[in-house]
């Protein structure tokens, strides 16, 4: 509508002064560092495309497995 990519909206705008309306509720963050993935390289263009697709699928699977592990741990901590 305004031609902006995003418009920041806060529910506290008219009631709280400027610096306080950007405060958020405290949340607990978890960071996990996954293991290093060695990348293979090649000079053949067709082989490079297939290799990159295979490595991308592997990394996506590793990230999803780590997210699933963290979600299982989160469910146990709430019980």
N, C-alpha and C. Protein backbone atom coordinates (compact mmCIF):
# COMPACT_ATOMS: atom_id res chain seq x y z
N UNK A 1 0.81 -1.17 0.00
CA UNK A 1 0.00 0.00 0.00
C UNK A 1 0.87 1.26 0.00
N UNK A 2 1.93 1.24 0.82
CA UNK A 2 2.84 2.39 0.87
C UNK A 2 4.07 2.20 -0.01
N UNK A 3 4.20 1.03 -0.61
CA UNK A 3 5.37 0.76 -1.43
C UNK A 3 6.57 0.33 -0.61
N UNK A 4 6.37 0.02 0.66
CA UNK A 4 7.44 -0.43 1.54
C UNK A 4 7.45 -1.95 1.59
N UNK A 5 8.62 -2.57 1.77
CA UNK A 5 8.65 -4.03 1.84
C UNK A 5 8.00 -4.55 3.13
N UNK A 6 8.06 -3.78 4.21
CA UNK A 6 7.44 -4.19 5.47
C UNK A 6 7.13 -2.95 6.28
N UNK A 7 6.12 -3.04 7.09
CA UNK A 7 5.74 -1.92 7.95
C UNK A 7 5.74 -2.43 9.39
N UNK A 8 6.64 -1.93 10.23
CA UNK A 8 6.67 -2.41 11.61
C UNK A 8 5.43 -1.96 12.37
N UNK A 9 4.77 -2.90 12.98
CA UNK A 9 3.56 -2.61 13.74
C UNK A 9 3.76 -3.12 15.15
N UNK A 10 3.46 -2.32 16.12
CA UNK A 10 3.57 -2.73 17.51
C UNK A 10 2.24 -2.46 18.21
N UNK A 11 1.78 -3.36 19.06
CA UNK A 11 0.50 -3.13 19.73
C UNK A 11 0.57 -2.06 20.82
N UNK A 12 1.78 -1.63 21.20
CA UNK A 12 1.93 -0.68 22.29
C UNK A 12 2.16 0.74 21.81
N UNK A 13 1.98 1.00 20.53
CA UNK A 13 2.37 2.29 19.96
C UNK A 13 1.77 3.50 20.68
N UNK A 14 0.51 3.65 20.79
CA UNK A 14 0.04 4.91 21.37
C UNK A 14 0.20 4.99 22.89
N UNK A 15 0.37 3.86 23.57
CA UNK A 15 0.34 3.88 25.03
C UNK A 15 1.71 3.91 25.69
N UNK A 16 2.74 3.43 25.03
CA UNK A 16 4.08 3.44 25.62
C UNK A 16 4.97 4.41 24.86
N UNK A 17 5.91 5.04 25.55
CA UNK A 17 6.85 5.93 24.86
C UNK A 17 7.74 5.16 23.88
N UNK A 18 8.42 5.88 23.03
CA UNK A 18 9.16 5.30 21.90
C UNK A 18 10.08 4.15 22.26
N UNK A 19 11.04 4.27 23.16
CA UNK A 19 11.96 3.13 23.33
C UNK A 19 11.29 1.92 23.95
N UNK A 20 10.25 2.11 24.72
CA UNK A 20 9.62 0.97 25.40
C UNK A 20 8.68 0.19 24.49
N UNK A 21 8.19 0.78 23.42
CA UNK A 21 7.25 0.05 22.59
C UNK A 21 7.94 -0.99 21.69
N UNK A 22 9.25 -1.05 21.71
CA UNK A 22 9.96 -2.09 20.96
C UNK A 22 10.35 -3.26 21.84
N UNK A 23 10.00 -3.22 23.13
CA UNK A 23 10.31 -4.32 24.04
C UNK A 23 9.42 -5.51 23.72
N UNK A 24 9.95 -6.70 23.90
CA UNK A 24 9.18 -7.90 23.66
C UNK A 24 9.15 -8.74 24.93
N UNK A 25 8.33 -9.74 24.92
CA UNK A 25 8.28 -10.65 26.05
C UNK A 25 9.55 -11.48 26.08
N UNK A 26 10.02 -11.85 27.27
CA UNK A 26 11.23 -12.67 27.32
C UNK A 26 10.95 -14.07 26.76
N UNK A 27 11.80 -14.51 25.91
CA UNK A 27 11.67 -15.84 25.32
C UNK A 27 12.98 -16.59 25.51
N UNK A 28 12.88 -17.89 25.50
CA UNK A 28 14.06 -18.74 25.67
C UNK A 28 14.53 -19.18 24.29
N UNK A 29 15.76 -18.89 23.96
CA UNK A 29 16.34 -19.25 22.67
C UNK A 29 17.28 -20.44 22.86
N UNK A 30 17.25 -21.33 21.91
CA UNK A 30 18.17 -22.46 21.88
C UNK A 30 18.95 -22.39 20.58
N UNK A 31 20.24 -22.54 20.70
CA UNK A 31 21.08 -22.60 19.50
C UNK A 31 21.78 -23.95 19.49
N UNK A 32 21.86 -24.51 18.34
CA UNK A 32 22.51 -25.79 18.19
C UNK A 32 23.47 -25.70 17.01
N UNK A 33 24.67 -26.16 17.23
CA UNK A 33 25.67 -26.17 16.16
C UNK A 33 25.80 -27.60 15.66
N UNK A 34 25.48 -27.79 14.42
CA UNK A 34 25.55 -29.13 13.83
C UNK A 34 26.98 -29.45 13.44
N UNK A 35 27.18 -30.70 13.15
CA UNK A 35 28.54 -31.12 12.78
C UNK A 35 28.93 -30.56 11.41
N UNK A 36 30.21 -30.48 11.19
CA UNK A 36 30.74 -29.94 9.94
C UNK A 36 30.46 -30.91 8.79
N UNK A 37 30.05 -30.37 7.67
CA UNK A 37 29.76 -31.18 6.48
C UNK A 37 30.84 -30.90 5.45
N UNK A 38 31.64 -31.90 5.12
CA UNK A 38 32.66 -31.68 4.09
C UNK A 38 32.02 -31.64 2.70
N UNK A 39 32.41 -30.67 1.92
CA UNK A 39 31.88 -30.53 0.57
C UNK A 39 32.87 -31.09 -0.44
N UNK A 40 32.33 -31.82 -1.39
CA UNK A 40 33.15 -32.35 -2.48
C UNK A 40 33.03 -31.40 -3.66
N UNK A 41 34.07 -31.31 -4.45
CA UNK A 41 34.03 -30.45 -5.63
C UNK A 41 34.44 -31.25 -6.85
N UNK A 42 34.00 -30.76 -7.99
CA UNK A 42 34.35 -31.38 -9.26
C UNK A 42 34.37 -30.30 -10.33
N UNK A 43 34.98 -30.61 -11.46
CA UNK A 43 35.04 -29.63 -12.55
C UNK A 43 34.00 -29.91 -13.64
N UNK A 44 33.46 -31.14 -13.67
CA UNK A 44 32.46 -31.49 -14.68
C UNK A 44 31.12 -30.83 -14.33
N UNK A 45 30.54 -30.11 -15.28
CA UNK A 45 29.33 -29.32 -15.01
C UNK A 45 28.13 -30.19 -14.64
N UNK A 46 27.90 -31.27 -15.37
CA UNK A 46 26.77 -32.15 -15.08
C UNK A 46 26.95 -32.84 -13.72
N UNK A 47 28.15 -33.29 -13.47
CA UNK A 47 28.44 -33.94 -12.20
C UNK A 47 28.34 -32.95 -11.04
N UNK A 48 28.74 -31.71 -11.28
CA UNK A 48 28.67 -30.68 -10.25
C UNK A 48 27.22 -30.40 -9.85
N UNK A 49 26.33 -30.36 -10.82
CA UNK A 49 24.92 -30.11 -10.52
C UNK A 49 24.33 -31.24 -9.68
N UNK A 50 24.61 -32.47 -10.07
CA UNK A 50 24.10 -33.62 -9.31
C UNK A 50 24.72 -33.67 -7.91
N UNK A 51 25.99 -33.38 -7.82
CA UNK A 51 26.68 -33.38 -6.53
C UNK A 51 26.12 -32.31 -5.61
N UNK A 52 25.85 -31.13 -6.14
CA UNK A 52 25.32 -30.06 -5.30
C UNK A 52 23.90 -30.37 -4.83
N UNK A 53 23.09 -30.98 -5.70
CA UNK A 53 21.74 -31.37 -5.29
C UNK A 53 21.79 -32.42 -4.18
N UNK A 54 22.69 -33.39 -4.33
CA UNK A 54 22.81 -34.45 -3.33
C UNK A 54 23.28 -33.88 -1.99
N UNK A 55 24.26 -32.98 -2.03
CA UNK A 55 24.76 -32.37 -0.79
C UNK A 55 23.70 -31.48 -0.15
N UNK A 56 22.91 -30.79 -0.97
CA UNK A 56 21.84 -29.94 -0.44
C UNK A 56 20.80 -30.79 0.26
N UNK A 57 20.40 -31.90 -0.34
CA UNK A 57 19.43 -32.79 0.31
C UNK A 57 19.98 -33.35 1.61
N UNK A 58 21.27 -33.66 1.63
CA UNK A 58 21.89 -34.19 2.84
C UNK A 58 21.86 -33.15 3.96
N UNK A 59 22.23 -31.91 3.64
CA UNK A 59 22.26 -30.85 4.65
C UNK A 59 20.84 -30.55 5.14
N UNK A 60 19.86 -30.53 4.23
CA UNK A 60 18.48 -30.32 4.65
C UNK A 60 18.02 -31.42 5.60
N UNK A 61 18.40 -32.66 5.31
CA UNK A 61 18.05 -33.77 6.19
C UNK A 61 18.71 -33.65 7.56
N UNK A 62 19.97 -33.21 7.57
CA UNK A 62 20.67 -33.02 8.85
C UNK A 62 20.01 -31.93 9.68
N UNK A 63 19.64 -30.84 9.04
CA UNK A 63 18.99 -29.74 9.76
C UNK A 63 17.63 -30.19 10.29
N UNK A 64 16.86 -30.91 9.47
CA UNK A 64 15.55 -31.39 9.92
C UNK A 64 15.70 -32.38 11.07
N UNK A 65 16.70 -33.25 11.02
CA UNK A 65 16.93 -34.20 12.11
C UNK A 65 17.28 -33.45 13.40
N UNK A 66 18.07 -32.41 13.31
CA UNK A 66 18.43 -31.63 14.49
C UNK A 66 17.21 -30.89 15.05
N UNK A 67 16.38 -30.34 14.17
CA UNK A 67 15.15 -29.68 14.63
C UNK A 67 14.22 -30.68 15.32
N UNK A 68 14.10 -31.87 14.75
CA UNK A 68 13.26 -32.90 15.38
C UNK A 68 13.80 -33.28 16.75
N UNK A 69 15.13 -33.40 16.86
CA UNK A 69 15.75 -33.73 18.15
C UNK A 69 15.47 -32.64 19.18
N UNK A 70 15.59 -31.38 18.77
CA UNK A 70 15.33 -30.27 19.68
C UNK A 70 13.85 -30.22 20.08
N UNK A 71 12.96 -30.51 19.13
CA UNK A 71 11.53 -30.53 19.46
C UNK A 71 11.18 -31.64 20.44
N UNK A 72 11.79 -32.81 20.28
CA UNK A 72 11.56 -33.89 21.25
C UNK A 72 12.04 -33.49 22.63
N UNK A 73 13.18 -32.80 22.70
CA UNK A 73 13.70 -32.34 23.99
C UNK A 73 12.81 -31.28 24.60
N UNK A 74 12.23 -30.43 23.78
CA UNK A 74 11.34 -29.39 24.27
C UNK A 74 10.05 -29.98 24.83
N UNK A 75 9.53 -30.99 24.16
CA UNK A 75 8.30 -31.61 24.64
C UNK A 75 8.52 -32.28 26.00
N UNK A 76 9.70 -32.84 26.23
CA UNK A 76 10.00 -33.49 27.52
C UNK A 76 10.15 -32.45 28.63
N UNK A 77 10.64 -31.27 28.30
CA UNK A 77 10.86 -30.28 29.35
C UNK A 77 9.56 -29.64 29.81
N UNK A 78 8.50 -29.70 29.01
CA UNK A 78 7.22 -29.11 29.40
C UNK A 78 6.36 -30.09 30.19
N UNK A 79 6.69 -31.38 30.16
CA UNK A 79 5.87 -32.39 30.84
C UNK A 79 6.17 -32.42 32.29
